[in-house]
């Protein structure tokens, strides 16, 4: 994570594809969590199992709240 990133927002969809031949995972709701970054490190607990712990979208913000960079997983 580059210097200047103060917070990160992680976005998880309600429905996650398991691939063409598998039934998708459907959760009770979508999950969005914003966490603070300390010394270029963040830590967050996600209420999903390890295979589903990768966010669909991640937004890096500076201390003023401006977007530094946004990533979207093209698999969704």
PDB file of N, CA and C in Angstrom:
ATOM      1  N   UNK A   1       0.845  -1.156   0.000  1.00  0.00           N
ATOM      2  CA  UNK A   1       0.000   0.000   0.000  1.00  0.00           C
ATOM      3  C   UNK A   1       0.903   1.236   0.000  1.00  0.00           C
ATOM      4  N   UNK A   2       0.656   2.190  -0.857  1.00  0.00           N
ATOM      5  CA  UNK A   2       1.526   3.368  -0.912  1.00  0.00           C
ATOM      6  C   UNK A   2       1.332   4.304   0.282  1.00  0.00           C
ATOM      7  N   UNK A   3       2.342   5.124   0.535  1.00  0.00           N
ATOM      8  CA  UNK A   3       2.220   6.138   1.580  1.00  0.00           C
ATOM      9  C   UNK A   3       1.061   7.069   1.224  1.00  0.00           C
ATOM     10  N   UNK A   4       0.406   7.592   2.231  1.00  0.00           N
ATOM     11  CA  UNK A   4      -0.691   8.528   2.002  1.00  0.00           C
ATOM     12  C   UNK A   4      -2.061   7.885   2.062  1.00  0.00           C
ATOM     13  N   UNK A   5      -2.133   6.559   2.103  1.00  0.00           N
ATOM     14  CA  UNK A   5      -3.431   5.894   2.224  1.00  0.00           C
ATOM     15  C   UNK A   5      -3.784   5.836   3.703  1.00  0.00           C
ATOM     16  N   UNK A   6      -4.901   6.457   4.087  1.00  0.00           N
ATOM     17  CA  UNK A   6      -5.307   6.540   5.487  1.00  0.00           C
ATOM     18  C   UNK A   6      -6.409   5.543   5.835  1.00  0.00           C
ATOM     19  N   UNK A   7      -7.235   5.183   4.851  1.00  0.00           N
ATOM     20  CA  UNK A   7      -8.299   4.211   5.097  1.00  0.00           C
ATOM     21  C   UNK A   7      -8.570   3.412   3.828  1.00  0.00           C
ATOM     22  N   UNK A   8      -9.160   2.247   4.032  1.00  0.00           N
ATOM     23  CA  UNK A   8      -9.510   1.366   2.920  1.00  0.00           C
ATOM     24  C   UNK A   8     -10.938   0.881   3.142  1.00  0.00           C
ATOM     25  N   UNK A   9     -11.744   0.948   2.081  1.00  0.00           N
ATOM     26  CA  UNK A   9     -13.105   0.422   2.120  1.00  0.00           C
ATOM     27  C   UNK A   9     -13.129  -0.862   1.306  1.00  0.00           C
ATOM     28  N   UNK A  10     -13.602  -1.937   1.940  1.00  0.00           N
ATOM     29  CA  UNK A  10     -13.712  -3.245   1.297  1.00  0.00           C
ATOM     30  C   UNK A  10     -15.184  -3.535   1.065  1.00  0.00           C
ATOM     31  N   UNK A  11     -15.528  -3.969  -0.139  1.00  0.00           N
ATOM     32  CA  UNK A  11     -16.920  -4.233  -0.487  1.00  0.00           C
ATOM     33  C   UNK A  11     -17.071  -5.676  -0.957  1.00  0.00           C
ATOM     34  N   UNK A  12     -18.022  -6.380  -0.335  1.00  0.00           N
ATOM     35  CA  UNK A  12     -18.294  -7.775  -0.654  1.00  0.00           C
ATOM     36  C   UNK A  12     -19.740  -7.892  -1.120  1.00  0.00           C
ATOM     37  N   UNK A  13     -19.994  -8.528  -2.255  1.00  0.00           N
ATOM     38  CA  UNK A  13     -21.369  -8.649  -2.741  1.00  0.00           C
ATOM     39  C   UNK A  13     -22.166  -9.701  -1.966  1.00  0.00           C
ATOM     40  N   UNK A  14     -23.473  -9.662  -2.134  1.00  0.00           N
ATOM     41  CA  UNK A  14     -24.355 -10.650  -1.506  1.00  0.00           C
ATOM     42  C   UNK A  14     -24.196 -12.015  -2.180  1.00  0.00           C
ATOM     43  N   UNK A  15     -23.995 -12.012  -3.487  1.00  0.00           N
ATOM     44  CA  UNK A  15     -23.914 -13.250  -4.269  1.00  0.00           C
ATOM     45  C   UNK A  15     -22.530 -13.356  -4.899  1.00  0.00           C
ATOM     46  N   UNK A  16     -21.880 -14.521  -4.718  1.00  0.00           N
ATOM     47  CA  UNK A  16     -20.536 -14.740  -5.255  1.00  0.00           C
ATOM     48  C   UNK A  16     -20.563 -15.943  -6.187  1.00  0.00           C
ATOM     49  N   UNK A  17     -20.095 -15.747  -7.399  1.00  0.00           N
ATOM     50  CA  UNK A  17     -20.045 -16.827  -8.374  1.00  0.00           C
ATOM     51  C   UNK A  17     -19.000 -17.867  -7.965  1.00  0.00           C
ATOM     52  N   UNK A  18     -19.317 -19.109  -8.214  1.00  0.00           N
ATOM     53  CA  UNK A  18     -18.391 -20.210  -7.961  1.00  0.00           C
ATOM     54  C   UNK A  18     -17.871 -20.795  -9.272  1.00  0.00           C
ATOM     55  N   UNK A  19     -18.209 -20.141 -10.364  1.00  0.00           N
ATOM     56  CA  UNK A  19     -17.802 -20.636 -11.676  1.00  0.00           C
ATOM     57  C   UNK A  19     -18.999 -21.120 -12.461  1.00  0.00           C
ATOM     58  N   UNK A  20     -18.758 -21.401 -13.698  1.00  0.00           N
ATOM     59  CA  UNK A  20     -19.815 -21.735 -14.639  1.00  0.00           C
ATOM     60  C   UNK A  20     -20.642 -22.960 -14.234  1.00  0.00           C
ATOM     61  N   UNK A  21     -20.010 -23.969 -13.666  1.00  0.00           N
ATOM     62  CA  UNK A  21     -20.701 -25.220 -13.389  1.00  0.00           C
ATOM     63  C   UNK A  21     -21.091 -25.415 -11.922  1.00  0.00           C
ATOM     64  N   UNK A  22     -20.948 -24.391 -11.118  1.00  0.00           N
ATOM     65  CA  UNK A  22     -21.232 -24.515  -9.696  1.00  0.00           C
ATOM     66  C   UNK A  22     -22.273 -23.489  -9.249  1.00  0.00           C
ATOM     67  N   UNK A  23     -23.021 -23.861  -8.241  1.00  0.00           N
ATOM     68  CA  UNK A  23     -24.026 -22.973  -7.668  1.00  0.00           C
ATOM     69  C   UNK A  23     -23.324 -21.811  -6.956  1.00  0.00           C
ATOM     70  N   UNK A  24     -23.790 -20.574  -7.121  1.00  0.00           N
ATOM     71  CA  UNK A  24     -23.151 -19.437  -6.443  1.00  0.00           C
ATOM     72  C   UNK A  24     -23.409 -19.460  -4.935  1.00  0.00           C
ATOM     73  N   UNK A  25     -22.533 -18.815  -4.194  1.00  0.00           N
ATOM     74  CA  UNK A  25     -22.730 -18.633  -2.753  1.00  0.00           C
ATOM     75  C   UNK A  25     -23.582 -17.391  -2.567  1.00  0.00           C
ATOM     76  N   UNK A  26     -24.618 -17.496  -1.765  1.00  0.00           N
ATOM     77  CA  UNK A  26     -25.504 -16.362  -1.499  1.00  0.00           C
ATOM     78  C   UNK A  26     -25.499 -16.107   0.012  1.00  0.00           C
ATOM     79  N   UNK A  27     -25.165 -14.885   0.385  1.00  0.00           N
ATOM     80  CA  UNK A  27     -25.085 -14.493   1.785  1.00  0.00           C
ATOM     81  C   UNK A  27     -26.324 -13.678   2.156  1.00  0.00           C
ATOM     82  N   UNK A  28     -26.620 -13.529   3.448  1.00  0.00           N
ATOM     83  CA  UNK A  28     -27.814 -12.764   3.859  1.00  0.00           C
ATOM     84  C   UNK A  28     -27.819 -11.322   3.348  1.00  0.00           C
ATOM     85  N   UNK A  29     -26.624 -10.728   3.206  1.00  0.00           N
ATOM     86  CA  UNK A  29     -26.559  -9.353   2.710  1.00  0.00           C
ATOM     87  C   UNK A  29     -25.151  -9.068   2.196  1.00  0.00           C
ATOM     88  N   UNK A  30     -25.027  -7.970   1.490  1.00  0.00           N
ATOM     89  CA  UNK A  30     -23.705  -7.502   1.076  1.00  0.00           C
ATOM     90  C   UNK A  30     -22.983  -7.005   2.327  1.00  0.00           C
ATOM     91  N   UNK A  31     -21.673  -6.890   2.258  1.00  0.00           N
ATOM     92  CA  UNK A  31     -20.887  -6.473   3.420  1.00  0.00           C
ATOM     93  C   UNK A  31     -19.906  -5.396   2.974  1.00  0.00           C
ATOM     94  N   UNK A  32     -19.914  -4.257   3.654  1.00  0.00           N
ATOM     95  CA  UNK A  32     -18.988  -3.154   3.375  1.00  0.00           C
ATOM     96  C   UNK A  32     -18.323  -2.764   4.679  1.00  0.00           C
ATOM     97  N   UNK A  33     -17.004  -2.664   4.656  1.00  0.00           N
ATOM     98  CA  UNK A  33     -16.249  -2.330   5.865  1.00  0.00           C
ATOM     99  C   UNK A  33     -15.150  -1.338   5.498  1.00  0.00           C
ATOM    100  N   UNK A  34     -15.051  -0.252   6.279  1.00  0.00           N
ATOM    101  CA  UNK A  34     -13.976   0.720   6.120  1.00  0.00           C
ATOM    102  C   UNK A  34     -13.069   0.616   7.338  1.00  0.00           C
ATOM    103  N   UNK A  35     -11.774   0.480   7.090  1.00  0.00           N
ATOM    104  CA  UNK A  35     -10.798   0.338   8.176  1.00  0.00           C
ATOM    105  C   UNK A  35      -9.687   1.369   8.003  1.00  0.00           C
ATOM    106  N   UNK A  36      -9.083   1.738   9.115  1.00  0.00           N
ATOM    107  CA  UNK A  36      -7.962   2.672   9.104  1.00  0.00           C
ATOM    108  C   UNK A  36      -6.670   1.926   8.788  1.00  0.00           C
ATOM    109  N   UNK A  37      -5.744   2.619   8.143  1.00  0.00           N
ATOM    110  CA  UNK A  37      -4.437   2.066   7.807  1.00  0.00           C
ATOM    111  C   UNK A  37      -3.416   2.639   8.781  1.00  0.00           C
ATOM    112  N   UNK A  38      -2.583   1.775   9.356  1.00  0.00           N
ATOM    113  CA  UNK A  38      -1.529   2.198  10.272  1.00  0.00           C
ATOM    114  C   UNK A  38      -0.215   1.612   9.789  1.00  0.00           C
ATOM    115  N   UNK A  39       0.784   2.477   9.526  1.00  0.00           N
ATOM    116  CA  UNK A  39       2.093   2.036   9.040  1.00  0.00           C
ATOM    117  C   UNK A  39       1.965   1.168   7.789  1.00  0.00           C
ATOM    118  N   UNK A  40       1.086   1.566   6.887  1.00  0.00           N
ATOM    119  CA  UNK A  40       0.846   0.881   5.607  1.00  0.00           C
ATOM    120  C   UNK A  40       0.305  -0.534   5.767  1.00  0.00           C
ATOM    121  N   UNK A  41      -0.359  -0.814   6.896  1.00  0.00           N
ATOM    122  CA  UNK A  41      -0.932  -2.133   7.143  1.00  0.00           C
ATOM    123  C   UNK A  41      -2.377  -1.963   7.602  1.00  0.00           C
ATOM    124  N   UNK A  42      -3.243  -2.890   7.180  1.00  0.00           N
ATOM    125  CA  UNK A  42      -4.608  -2.902   7.675  1.00  0.00           C
ATOM    126  C   UNK A  42      -4.951  -4.311   8.121  1.00  0.00           C
ATOM    127  N   UNK A  43      -5.893  -4.390   9.028  1.00  0.00           N
ATOM    128  CA  UNK A  43      -6.358  -5.673   9.526  1.00  0.00           C
ATOM    129  C   UNK A  43      -7.864  -5.591   9.691  1.00  0.00           C
ATOM    130  N   UNK A  44      -8.551  -6.628   9.230  1.00  0.00           N
ATOM    131  CA  UNK A  44     -10.007  -6.617   9.300  1.00  0.00           C
ATOM    132  C   UNK A  44     -10.517  -8.052   9.414  1.00  0.00           C
ATOM    133  N   UNK A  45     -11.562  -8.244  10.196  1.00  0.00           N
ATOM    134  CA  UNK A  45     -12.236  -9.543  10.291  1.00  0.00           C
ATOM    135  C   UNK A  45     -13.440  -9.518   9.354  1.00  0.00           C
ATOM    136  N   UNK A  46     -13.561 -10.531   8.529  1.00  0.00           N
ATOM    137  CA  UNK A  46     -14.631 -10.618   7.545  1.00  0.00           C
ATOM    138  C   UNK A  46     -15.563 -11.758   7.951  1.00  0.00           C
ATOM    139  N   UNK A  47     -16.879 -11.527   7.973  1.00  0.00           N
ATOM    140  CA  UNK A  47     -17.808 -12.577   8.401  1.00  0.00           C
ATOM    141  C   UNK A  47     -18.111 -13.597   7.299  1.00  0.00           C
ATOM    142  N   UNK A  48     -17.062 -14.058   6.649  1.00  0.00           N
ATOM    143  CA  UNK A  48     -17.190 -15.062   5.589  1.00  0.00           C
ATOM    144  C   UNK A  48     -15.988 -15.982   5.653  1.00  0.00           C
ATOM    145  N   UNK A  49     -16.098 -17.146   5.067  1.00  0.00           N
ATOM    146  CA  UNK A  49     -14.996 -18.085   5.056  1.00  0.00           C
ATOM    147  C   UNK A  49     -13.852 -17.614   4.167  1.00  0.00           C
ATOM    148  N   UNK A  50     -12.712 -18.259   4.302  1.00  0.00           N
ATOM    149  CA  UNK A  50     -11.504 -17.872   3.573  1.00  0.00           C
ATOM    150  C   UNK A  50     -11.690 -17.785   2.055  1.00  0.00           C
ATOM    151  N   UNK A  51     -12.389 -18.727   1.409  1.00  0.00           N
ATOM    152  CA  UNK A  51     -12.543 -18.611  -0.048  1.00  0.00           C
ATOM    153  C   UNK A  51     -13.304 -17.352  -0.482  1.00  0.00           C
ATOM    154  N   UNK A  52     -14.089 -16.789   0.419  1.00  0.00           N
ATOM    155  CA  UNK A  52     -14.905 -15.620   0.089  1.00  0.00           C
ATOM    156  C   UNK A  52     -14.374 -14.335   0.729  1.00  0.00           C
ATOM    157  N   UNK A  53     -13.145 -14.365   1.239  1.00  0.00           N
ATOM    158  CA  UNK A  53     -12.586 -13.219   1.965  1.00  0.00           C
ATOM    159  C   UNK A  53     -11.934 -12.176   1.056  1.00  0.00           C
ATOM    160  N   UNK A  54     -11.891 -12.428  -0.243  1.00  0.00           N
ATOM    161  CA  UNK A  54     -11.327 -11.441  -1.156  1.00  0.00           C
ATOM    162  C   UNK A  54     -12.435 -10.474  -1.579  1.00  0.00           C
ATOM    163  N   UNK A  55     -12.215  -9.169  -1.415  1.00  0.00           N
ATOM    164  CA  UNK A  55     -13.284  -8.204  -1.718  1.00  0.00           C
ATOM    165  C   UNK A  55     -13.535  -8.064  -3.214  1.00  0.00           C
ATOM    166  N   UNK A  56     -14.775  -7.733  -3.552  1.00  0.00           N
ATOM    167  CA  UNK A  56     -15.130  -7.441  -4.936  1.00  0.00           C
ATOM    168  C   UNK A  56     -14.579  -6.079  -5.348  1.00  0.00           C
ATOM    169  N   UNK A  57     -14.602  -5.144  -4.412  1.00  0.00           N
ATOM    170  CA  UNK A  57     -14.117  -3.788  -4.678  1.00  0.00           C
ATOM    171  C   UNK A  57     -13.347  -3.300  -3.449  1.00  0.00           C
ATOM    172  N   UNK A  58     -12.253  -2.581  -3.711  1.00  0.00           N
ATOM    173  CA  UNK A  58     -11.445  -2.013  -2.646  1.00  0.00           C
ATOM    174  C   UNK A  58     -11.118  -0.573  -3.034  1.00  0.00           C
ATOM    175  N   UNK A  59     -11.362   0.360  -2.101  1.00  0.00           N
ATOM    176  CA  UNK A  59     -11.125   1.786  -2.360  1.00  0.00           C
ATOM    177  C   UNK A  59     -10.128   2.312  -1.335  1.00  0.00           C
ATOM    178  N   UNK A  60      -9.010   2.855  -1.825  1.00  0.00           N
ATOM    179  CA  UNK A  60      -8.011   3.466  -0.958  1.00  0.00           C
ATOM    180  C   UNK A  60      -8.307   4.962  -0.887  1.00  0.00           C
ATOM    181  N   UNK A  61      -8.301   5.522   0.327  1.00  0.00           N
ATOM    182  CA  UNK A  61      -8.562   6.961   0.514  1.00  0.00           C
ATOM    183  C   UNK A  61      -7.443   7.608   1.319  1.00  0.00           C
ATOM    184  N   UNK A  62      -7.207   8.899   1.040  1.00  0.00           N
ATOM    185  CA  UNK A  62      -6.211   9.645   1.813  1.00  0.00           C
ATOM    186  C   UNK A  62      -6.869  10.212   3.070  1.00  0.00           C
ATOM    187  N   UNK A  63      -6.107  10.944   3.865  1.00  0.00           N
ATOM    188  CA  UNK A  63      -6.604  11.473   5.143  1.00  0.00           C
ATOM    189  C   UNK A  63      -7.783  12.428   4.964  1.00  0.00           C
ATOM    190  N   UNK A  64      -7.867  13.107   3.818  1.00  0.00           N
ATOM    191  CA  UNK A  64      -8.970  14.031   3.552  1.00  0.00           C
ATOM    192  C   UNK A  64     -10.204  13.313   3.005  1.00  0.00           C
ATOM    193  N   UNK A  65     -10.086  12.005   2.715  1.00  0.00           N
ATOM    194  CA  UNK A  65     -11.216  11.248   2.189  1.00  0.00           C
ATOM    195  C   UNK A  65     -11.245  11.141   0.679  1.00  0.00           C
ATOM    196  N   UNK A  66     -10.269  11.737   0.002  1.00  0.00           N
ATOM    197  CA  UNK A  66     -10.215  11.656  -1.461  1.00  0.00           C
ATOM    198  C   UNK A  66      -9.741  10.270  -1.885  1.00  0.00           C
ATOM    199  N   UNK A  67     -10.284   9.770  -2.972  1.00  0.00           N
ATOM    200  CA  UNK A  67      -9.911   8.448  -3.466  1.00  0.00           C
ATOM    201  C   UNK A  67      -8.509   8.492  -4.062  1.00  0.00           C
ATOM    202  N   UNK A  68      -7.635   7.631  -3.556  1.00  0.00           N
ATOM    203  CA  UNK A  68      -6.278   7.487  -4.084  1.00  0.00           C
ATOM    204  C   UNK A  68      -6.294   6.498  -5.233  1.00  0.00           C
ATOM    205  N   UNK A  69      -6.998   5.362  -5.024  1.00  0.00           N
ATOM    206  CA  UNK A  69      -7.115   4.331  -6.065  1.00  0.00           C
ATOM    207  C   UNK A  69      -8.291   3.442  -5.730  1.00  0.00           C
ATOM    208  N   UNK A  70      -8.964   2.926  -6.750  1.00  0.00           N
ATOM    209  CA  UNK A  70     -10.070   1.979  -6.559  1.00  0.00           C
ATOM    210  C   UNK A  70      -9.815   0.765  -7.432  1.00  0.00           C
ATOM    211  N   UNK A  71     -10.030  -0.415  -6.865  1.00  0.00           N
ATOM    212  CA  UNK A  71      -9.836  -1.676  -7.569  1.00  0.00           C
ATOM    213  C   UNK A  71     -11.155  -2.423  -7.596  1.00  0.00           C
ATOM    214  N   UNK A  72     -11.468  -3.069  -8.723  1.00  0.00           N
ATOM    215  CA  UNK A  72     -12.647  -3.923  -8.826  1.00  0.00           C
ATOM    216  C   UNK A  72     -12.202  -5.253  -9.401  1.00  0.00           C
ATOM    217  N   UNK A  73     -12.627  -6.352  -8.775  1.00  0.00           N
ATOM    218  CA  UNK A  73     -12.306  -7.689  -9.243  1.00  0.00           C
ATOM    219  C   UNK A  73     -13.142  -7.975 -10.485  1.00  0.00           C
ATOM    220  N   UNK A  74     -12.512  -8.209 -11.635  1.00  0.00           N
ATOM    221  CA  UNK A  74     -13.271  -8.439 -12.859  1.00  0.00           C
ATOM    222  C   UNK A  74     -14.016  -9.770 -12.872  1.00  0.00           C
ATOM    223  N   UNK A  75     -13.723 -10.667 -11.937  1.00  0.00           N
ATOM    224  CA  UNK A  75     -14.394 -11.964 -11.912  1.00  0.00           C
ATOM    225  C   UNK A  75     -15.858 -11.844 -11.486  1.00  0.00           C
ATOM    226  N   UNK A  76     -16.232 -10.733 -10.879  1.00  0.00           N
ATOM    227  CA  UNK A  76     -17.611 -10.590 -10.412  1.00  0.00           C
ATOM    228  C   UNK A  76     -18.402 -10.014 -11.533  1.00  0.00           C
TER     229      UNK A  76
END
